[in-house]
Protein backbone atom coordinates (compact mmCIF):
# COMPACT_ATOMS: atom_id res chain seq x y z
CA MET A 1 -64.43 91.71 13.80
CA ASP A 2 -61.24 93.78 13.85
CA LEU A 3 -58.23 91.56 14.59
CA SER A 4 -55.63 94.35 14.40
CA LEU A 5 -55.84 94.95 18.16
CA ALA A 6 -55.35 91.24 18.83
CA LYS A 7 -52.23 91.27 16.66
CA GLU A 8 -50.88 94.30 18.54
CA ASP A 9 -51.54 92.63 21.90
CA GLN A 10 -49.82 89.46 20.70
CA SER A 11 -46.73 91.31 19.42
CA SER A 12 -46.52 93.31 22.67
CA ARG A 13 -46.71 90.08 24.62
CA TRP A 14 -43.84 88.59 22.58
CA GLU A 15 -41.74 91.72 23.05
CA ILE A 16 -42.23 91.47 26.83
CA GLU A 17 -41.38 87.75 26.77
CA ASP A 18 -38.27 88.47 24.72
CA ALA A 19 -37.19 91.22 27.12
CA ARG A 20 -37.64 88.87 30.09
CA TYR A 21 -35.63 86.18 28.34
CA GLN A 22 -32.83 88.62 27.54
CA GLN A 23 -32.68 89.80 31.13
CA GLU A 24 -32.46 86.25 32.49
CA TYR A 25 -30.02 85.20 29.78
CA GLU A 26 -27.67 88.06 30.69
CA TRP A 27 -26.65 86.32 33.91
CA TYR A 28 -25.66 83.16 32.02
CA ARG A 29 -23.74 85.16 29.43
CA ILE A 30 -21.68 86.91 32.08
CA GLN A 31 -21.00 83.66 33.93
CA ARG A 32 -19.69 81.98 30.77
CA GLN A 33 -17.25 84.83 30.21
CA GLN A 34 -16.10 84.79 33.83
CA VAL A 35 -15.47 81.04 33.69
CA ALA A 36 -13.26 81.54 30.64
CA LEU A 37 -11.21 84.13 32.51
CA VAL A 38 -10.92 81.95 35.60
CA LEU A 39 -9.66 79.07 33.47
CA ALA A 40 -7.21 81.45 31.80
CA SER A 41 -5.83 82.53 35.15
CA TRP A 42 -5.07 78.95 36.21
CA GLU A 43 -2.35 78.69 33.57
CA HIS A 44 -2.37 74.92 33.71
CA PRO A 45 -2.25 72.60 30.68
CA LEU A 46 -5.16 70.51 31.97
CA VAL A 47 -7.64 73.29 31.15
CA ILE A 48 -6.59 73.54 27.50
CA PRO A 49 -8.75 70.64 26.20
CA ALA A 50 -11.79 72.07 28.01
CA LEU A 51 -11.20 75.52 26.50
CA ILE A 52 -10.81 74.07 23.00
CA GLN A 53 -13.95 71.96 23.38
CA ALA A 54 -15.88 74.97 24.70
CA PHE A 55 -14.72 77.06 21.75
CA ASP A 56 -15.78 74.37 19.29
CA VAL A 57 -19.22 73.97 20.90
CA CYS A 58 -19.65 77.73 21.08
CA TYR A 59 -18.79 78.19 17.40
CA HIS A 60 -21.25 75.48 16.41
CA GLN A 61 -23.95 77.04 18.60
CA GLU A 62 -23.45 80.32 16.81
CA VAL A 63 -23.52 78.76 13.34
CA TYR A 64 -26.20 76.10 13.71
CA SER A 65 -28.54 77.13 16.52
CA PRO A 66 -32.09 77.78 15.28
CA ALA A 67 -32.60 80.20 18.20
CA ILE A 68 -30.37 82.75 16.47
CA LYS A 69 -32.99 83.28 13.79
CA THR A 70 -35.48 84.51 16.38
CA HIS A 71 -32.95 86.04 18.79
CA PRO A 72 -30.09 87.49 16.70
CA TYR A 73 -28.39 88.98 19.77
CA LEU A 74 -27.45 85.42 20.75
CA GLY A 75 -25.05 85.30 17.81
CA ARG A 76 -23.10 88.27 19.10
CA ASP A 77 -23.06 86.73 22.58
CA TRP A 78 -21.57 83.52 21.20
CA GLN A 79 -18.98 85.59 19.33
CA THR A 80 -17.94 87.45 22.48
CA PHE A 81 -17.68 84.15 24.33
CA GLN A 82 -15.46 82.78 21.56
CA ASP A 83 -13.25 85.85 21.95
CA CYS A 84 -12.99 85.20 25.69
CA LEU A 85 -12.11 81.56 25.10
CA ALA A 86 -9.45 82.51 22.55
CA TYR A 87 -8.08 85.03 25.06
CA ALA A 88 -7.94 82.24 27.67
CA LEU A 89 -6.17 79.92 25.21
CA GLY A 90 -3.63 82.68 24.61
CA ARG A 91 -3.05 83.03 28.34
CA GLN A 92 -2.45 79.28 28.38
CA ARG A 93 -0.09 79.67 25.41
CA ALA A 94 -1.98 76.89 23.63
CA TRP A 95 -0.59 77.87 20.23
CA ASP A 96 -1.75 74.70 18.51
CA ALA A 97 -5.40 75.22 19.53
CA PRO A 98 -6.45 76.87 16.24
CA ASP A 99 -5.11 73.85 14.35
CA ARG A 100 -7.47 71.59 16.33
CA LEU A 101 -10.57 73.50 15.24
CA ALA A 102 -12.30 73.56 11.85
CA LEU A 103 -12.70 77.31 11.44
CA PRO A 104 -12.99 79.40 8.30
CA PRO A 105 -9.90 81.58 7.63
CA GLU A 106 -11.52 84.81 8.88
CA ARG A 107 -12.54 83.22 12.19
CA LEU A 108 -9.09 81.66 12.55
CA HIS A 109 -7.61 85.13 12.12
CA ILE A 110 -9.88 86.56 14.82
CA MET A 111 -9.10 83.69 17.17
CA ARG A 112 -5.36 84.17 16.75
CA MET A 113 -5.60 87.88 17.51
CA PHE A 114 -7.51 87.24 20.73
CA MET A 115 -4.95 84.58 21.63
CA VAL A 116 -2.23 87.21 21.17
CA TYR A 117 -4.17 89.54 23.47
CA GLY A 118 -4.41 86.75 26.05
CA ALA A 119 -0.72 85.89 25.86
CA LEU A 120 0.17 89.55 26.35
CA HIS A 121 -2.35 89.95 29.20
CA ALA A 122 -4.21 92.67 27.34
CA LYS A 123 -6.96 94.42 29.27
CA ALA A 124 -9.42 91.58 29.87
CA SER A 125 -12.28 93.94 30.69
CA ARG A 126 -12.09 95.27 27.14
CA VAL A 127 -12.14 91.77 25.68
CA LEU A 128 -15.13 90.82 27.82
CA SER A 129 -17.10 93.85 26.76
CA GLY A 130 -16.53 93.18 23.06
CA MET A 131 -14.21 96.15 22.51
CA TRP A 132 -12.19 94.41 19.79
CA TYR A 133 -11.98 97.63 17.78
CA LEU A 134 -9.51 99.33 20.13
CA SER A 135 -5.93 99.98 19.10
CA TYR A 136 -3.04 97.91 20.41
CA GLU A 137 -2.17 100.70 22.82
CA GLU A 138 -5.73 100.91 24.13
CA MET A 139 -5.66 97.15 24.71
CA GLY A 140 -2.43 97.58 26.68
CA VAL A 141 -0.06 95.88 24.24
CA LYS A 142 2.66 97.01 21.83
CA LEU A 143 2.97 96.34 18.12
CA GLU A 144 6.42 94.78 18.61
CA GLN A 145 5.00 92.28 21.10
CA VAL A 146 2.18 91.37 18.73
CA ASN A 147 4.60 90.93 15.82
CA LYS A 148 6.84 88.69 17.92
CA ILE A 149 3.99 86.33 18.84
CA LEU A 150 2.56 86.27 15.32
CA CYS A 151 6.02 85.41 13.97
CA GLU A 152 7.09 82.88 16.61
CA HIS A 153 3.86 81.01 17.16
CA PHE A 154 1.79 81.46 14.02
CA HIS A 155 4.74 81.63 11.57
CA LEU A 156 3.76 84.95 10.05
CA LEU A 157 6.19 87.57 8.78
CA PRO A 158 7.59 89.88 11.50
CA GLU A 159 6.36 93.06 9.80
CA ILE A 160 2.78 91.86 9.39
CA GLY A 161 1.40 93.33 12.65
CA VAL A 162 -0.24 96.43 11.18
CA ALA A 163 -1.82 94.60 8.24
CA TYR A 164 -2.86 91.73 10.52
CA TYR A 165 -4.61 94.17 12.84
CA ARG A 166 -6.33 95.91 9.90
CA ASP A 167 -7.62 92.55 8.63
CA PHE A 168 -8.66 91.61 12.17
CA MET A 169 -10.75 94.79 12.34
CA ARG A 170 -12.33 94.06 8.96
CA TYR A 171 -13.15 90.45 9.89
CA CYS A 172 -14.62 91.44 13.25
CA THR A 173 -16.76 94.11 11.62
CA SER A 174 -17.97 91.62 9.03
CA ARG A 175 -18.64 88.97 11.69
CA GLU A 176 -20.58 91.39 13.87
CA SER A 177 -22.67 92.74 11.00
CA LEU A 178 -24.02 89.26 10.28
CA TYR A 179 -26.49 89.62 13.12
CA VAL A 180 -27.21 93.30 12.76
CA ILE A 181 -28.35 92.99 9.15
CA SER A 182 -30.18 89.69 8.81
CA GLY A 183 -30.18 87.77 12.06
CA GLU A 184 -28.64 84.80 10.28
CA ILE A 185 -25.18 83.73 9.31
CA PRO A 186 -24.17 82.08 6.08
CA LEU A 187 -22.76 78.59 6.34
């Protein structure tokens, strides 16, 4: 008996199931991002603990969820949500938020940059769509503004803006490639 057709039917069935799941999941993904932006727009200190907790849970979902092994796109979704939450924390000017999270240095760097974007009211639609690779100008901010925030709130040297952005790009590229290559992230 030839089982090759049964295997093909089974894999086709799983592909259809996965496509259905992705389609349904899309609604939840968009809602999470919208909630982060709504909380950012409130500009009230009472939302800061909720945003920090959401960021922490989101990061742990990305790192430890077994579902990411079978659905690698979930990792990128969690990353985009983290970016939205960091943007919201920046809008709230919650500069101590990164200190309250146990993040590796690269992720801390990414979080700070999205907080800067939030504080400067960078184009939120670009943040939501994962367009982290755009220049400062394309995000609607100026290098001088970025340098000022990095210096005042994160105690970095005033002239670091260009290098900070270059490292931000490198870290984002590395973070994103984790799911493109293997579907898993190293701990």
